[in-house]
Amino acid sequence: MAHDSHEHMSADHEYINPASGSGHEHTDASVGLIVRFAVWLAVSAMVVHVLGWVMFYVLVEHRMPVEAPEFPLAVEQAPRLPAEPRLQPSPPNDIRQFRRQERVMLESYGWVDREAGEVRIPIAEAMRLTVERGLPVRAAEGGDGAVGTAETPGLMPTDASAGRLMERRRQ
């Protein structure tokens, strides 16, 4: 058997010896098919974008107007707040307002309890009166070791009273 000279030994021989008159390799993809696909892809992308914009404008034009709430009692309700504790919306403003209120309390006259006759005086005035009048002092101890004043002999302050309340001392 004789070997034909045009018979290929492997698949690579077709690339080595192309057929005469061929402008491209016959095993490649069709160029026309690729160009048609690219054109179809570009046209379909433009159509999708145009349809998207048209749909957006149609939906904006045909949107439902906002109507009154369905339940009339819902209009009267105040906006619902989240559960306690809530965060401060502006802590610097809150502390400024708190300090302003404290300053007003410390620098003005006012009633603490009108029925009991307790009043509030400015702190500067209270300090001036304290210096003028002095602070109360305890009476000196007597020779018998009893603590108290002449009006209340035998009374002494309790530990929890910080010196204000007196209790009768056991003798």
Protein backbone atom coordinates (compact mmCIF):
# COMPACT_ATOMS: atom_id res chain seq x y z
CA MET A 1 0.00 0.00 0.00
CA ALA A 2 1.28 3.26 -0.92
CA HIS A 3 1.03 6.28 1.29
CA ASP A 4 -0.87 9.22 -0.10
CA SER A 5 1.12 12.44 0.27
CA HIS A 6 -1.97 14.43 1.20
CA GLU A 7 -2.85 12.18 4.06
CA HIS A 8 -2.21 13.82 7.40
CA MET A 9 -0.24 12.20 10.12
CA SER A 10 -1.81 14.34 12.95
CA ALA A 11 -4.26 17.17 13.50
CA ASP A 12 -1.45 19.72 13.55
CA HIS A 13 -0.54 18.97 9.91
CA GLU A 14 -3.63 20.90 8.75
CA TYR A 15 -2.17 24.08 10.33
CA ILE A 16 1.24 23.44 8.89
CA ASN A 17 0.02 22.95 5.31
CA PRO A 18 -3.20 24.97 4.79
CA ALA A 19 -5.25 24.43 1.67
CA SER A 20 -4.34 26.68 -1.17
CA GLY A 21 -6.39 29.89 -1.45
CA SER A 22 -7.65 29.85 2.13
CA GLY A 23 -7.58 33.22 3.95
CA HIS A 24 -8.10 31.83 7.42
CA GLU A 25 -8.00 28.56 9.16
CA HIS A 26 -11.07 26.50 8.60
CA THR A 27 -11.15 25.15 12.14
CA ASP A 28 -11.71 28.63 13.72
CA ALA A 29 -15.13 29.99 14.65
CA SER A 30 -17.15 31.76 12.04
CA VAL A 31 -16.35 35.50 12.04
CA GLY A 32 -19.76 36.41 10.67
CA LEU A 33 -21.46 34.58 13.53
CA ILE A 34 -19.33 36.44 16.10
CA VAL A 35 -20.09 39.83 14.49
CA ARG A 36 -23.82 39.05 14.36
CA PHE A 37 -23.77 38.05 18.06
CA ALA A 38 -21.95 41.26 19.07
CA VAL A 39 -24.44 43.41 17.12
CA TRP A 40 -27.38 41.50 18.65
CA LEU A 41 -25.87 41.95 22.14
CA ALA A 42 -25.38 45.72 21.68
CA VAL A 43 -28.88 46.20 20.26
CA SER A 44 -30.52 44.14 23.02
CA ALA A 45 -28.57 46.08 25.71
CA MET A 46 -29.81 49.37 24.27
CA VAL A 47 -33.38 48.06 24.08
CA VAL A 48 -33.26 46.89 27.72
CA HIS A 49 -31.95 50.28 28.89
CA VAL A 50 -34.56 52.19 26.91
CA LEU A 51 -37.35 49.94 28.21
CA GLY A 52 -36.07 50.41 31.78
CA TRP A 53 -36.21 54.23 31.49
CA VAL A 54 -39.64 54.13 29.85
CA MET A 55 -40.96 51.87 32.59
CA PHE A 56 -39.49 54.17 35.28
CA TYR A 57 -41.21 57.26 33.82
CA VAL A 58 -44.52 55.41 33.36
CA LEU A 59 -44.47 54.18 36.96
CA VAL A 60 -43.59 57.66 38.27
CA GLU A 61 -46.46 59.22 36.32
CA HIS A 62 -49.00 56.59 37.42
CA ARG A 63 -48.05 56.32 41.08
CA MET A 64 -50.84 56.47 43.62
CA PRO A 65 -51.18 59.76 45.49
CA VAL A 66 -50.67 59.55 49.23
CA GLU A 67 -54.08 59.51 50.86
CA ALA A 68 -55.23 60.14 54.39
CA PRO A 69 -54.74 57.20 56.74
CA GLU A 70 -57.40 54.54 56.57
CA PHE A 71 -58.08 54.73 60.29
CA PRO A 72 -59.09 58.23 61.45
CA LEU A 73 -57.90 57.63 65.01
CA ALA A 74 -54.38 57.04 63.71
CA VAL A 75 -54.14 60.73 62.77
CA GLU A 76 -54.64 61.80 66.37
CA GLN A 77 -51.92 59.57 67.73
CA ALA A 78 -48.53 61.07 68.46
CA PRO A 79 -45.51 59.47 66.84
CA ARG A 80 -44.50 56.35 68.71
CA LEU A 81 -41.23 56.57 70.59
CA PRO A 82 -38.90 53.65 71.18
CA ALA A 83 -38.80 51.97 74.57
CA GLU A 84 -36.84 53.50 77.46
CA PRO A 85 -33.96 54.20 77.86
CA ARG A 86 -33.62 56.36 74.77
CA LEU A 87 -30.41 57.85 73.48
CA GLN A 88 -29.88 61.56 73.90
CA PRO A 89 -30.26 63.35 70.57
CA SER A 90 -27.77 66.07 71.54
CA PRO A 91 -25.77 65.44 74.76
CA PRO A 92 -23.84 68.76 74.62
CA ASN A 93 -27.10 70.73 74.40
CA ASP A 94 -28.64 68.66 77.20
CA ILE A 95 -25.74 69.32 79.59
CA ARG A 96 -25.78 73.05 78.74
CA GLN A 97 -29.50 73.22 79.49
CA PHE A 98 -29.03 71.26 82.74
CA ARG A 99 -26.23 73.58 83.90
CA ARG A 100 -28.29 76.65 82.98
CA GLN A 101 -31.17 75.34 85.13
CA GLU A 102 -28.77 74.67 88.01
CA ARG A 103 -27.32 78.19 87.71
CA VAL A 104 -30.82 79.69 87.82
CA MET A 105 -31.59 77.65 90.96
CA LEU A 106 -28.34 78.72 92.66
CA GLU A 107 -28.61 82.40 91.76
CA SER A 108 -32.28 83.16 92.43
CA TYR A 109 -34.87 83.34 95.18
CA GLY A 110 -37.79 80.93 95.17
CA TRP A 111 -40.09 78.73 97.19
CA VAL A 112 -38.99 75.22 98.07
CA ASP A 113 -42.18 74.44 100.03
CA ARG A 114 -44.67 77.28 100.35
CA GLU A 115 -46.80 75.48 102.97
CA ALA A 116 -43.80 74.78 105.21
CA GLY A 117 -42.36 78.25 104.63
CA GLU A 118 -39.09 76.96 103.11
CA VAL A 119 -37.42 79.28 100.64
CA ARG A 120 -34.40 79.18 98.40
CA ILE A 121 -31.87 82.03 98.40
CA PRO A 122 -28.92 82.66 96.07
CA ILE A 123 -25.77 80.75 97.01
CA ALA A 124 -23.70 83.93 97.31
CA GLU A 125 -26.22 85.37 99.77
CA ALA A 126 -26.28 82.12 101.76
CA MET A 127 -22.48 82.11 102.05
CA ARG A 128 -22.49 85.77 103.17
CA LEU A 129 -25.13 85.06 105.85
CA THR A 130 -23.19 82.00 107.04
CA VAL A 131 -20.04 84.07 107.48
CA GLU A 132 -21.96 86.84 109.33
CA ARG A 133 -23.90 84.53 111.65
CA GLY A 134 -21.32 81.77 112.02
CA LEU A 135 -21.90 78.05 112.19
CA PRO A 136 -23.56 76.35 115.17
CA VAL A 137 -21.17 74.74 117.66
CA ARG A 138 -21.60 72.15 120.39
CA ALA A 139 -21.60 73.07 123.98
CA ALA A 140 -18.55 72.08 126.00
CA GLU A 141 -18.71 68.90 128.10
CA GLY A 142 -19.65 69.29 131.71
CA GLY A 143 -17.60 68.00 134.63
CA ASP A 144 -19.75 64.87 135.00
CA GLY A 145 -19.11 63.70 131.41
CA ALA A 146 -22.68 64.31 130.24
CA VAL A 147 -22.99 65.72 126.76
CA GLY A 148 -25.64 68.30 125.91
CA THR A 149 -26.76 71.83 126.49
CA ALA A 150 -28.38 73.34 129.52
CA GLU A 151 -31.82 72.85 127.95
CA THR A 152 -31.26 69.19 126.98
CA PRO A 153 -28.91 67.48 129.41
CA GLY A 154 -27.90 63.93 128.60
CA LEU A 155 -28.69 64.00 124.86
CA MET A 156 -26.11 63.05 122.27
CA PRO A 157 -26.12 62.68 118.48
CA THR A 158 -26.46 59.21 116.96
CA ASP A 159 -23.92 57.78 114.52
CA ALA A 160 -26.34 57.84 111.58
CA SER A 161 -27.58 61.37 112.20
CA ALA A 162 -24.38 63.23 111.34
CA GLY A 163 -24.88 65.25 114.49
CA ARG A 164 -28.42 66.44 113.73
CA LEU A 165 -30.71 64.15 115.73
CA MET A 166 -30.39 63.49 119.39
CA GLU A 167 -31.29 60.44 121.38
CA ARG A 168 -31.54 60.05 125.11
CA ARG A 169 -28.35 58.65 126.60
CA ARG A 170 -28.75 55.73 129.00
CA GLN A 171 -27.54 56.57 132.44
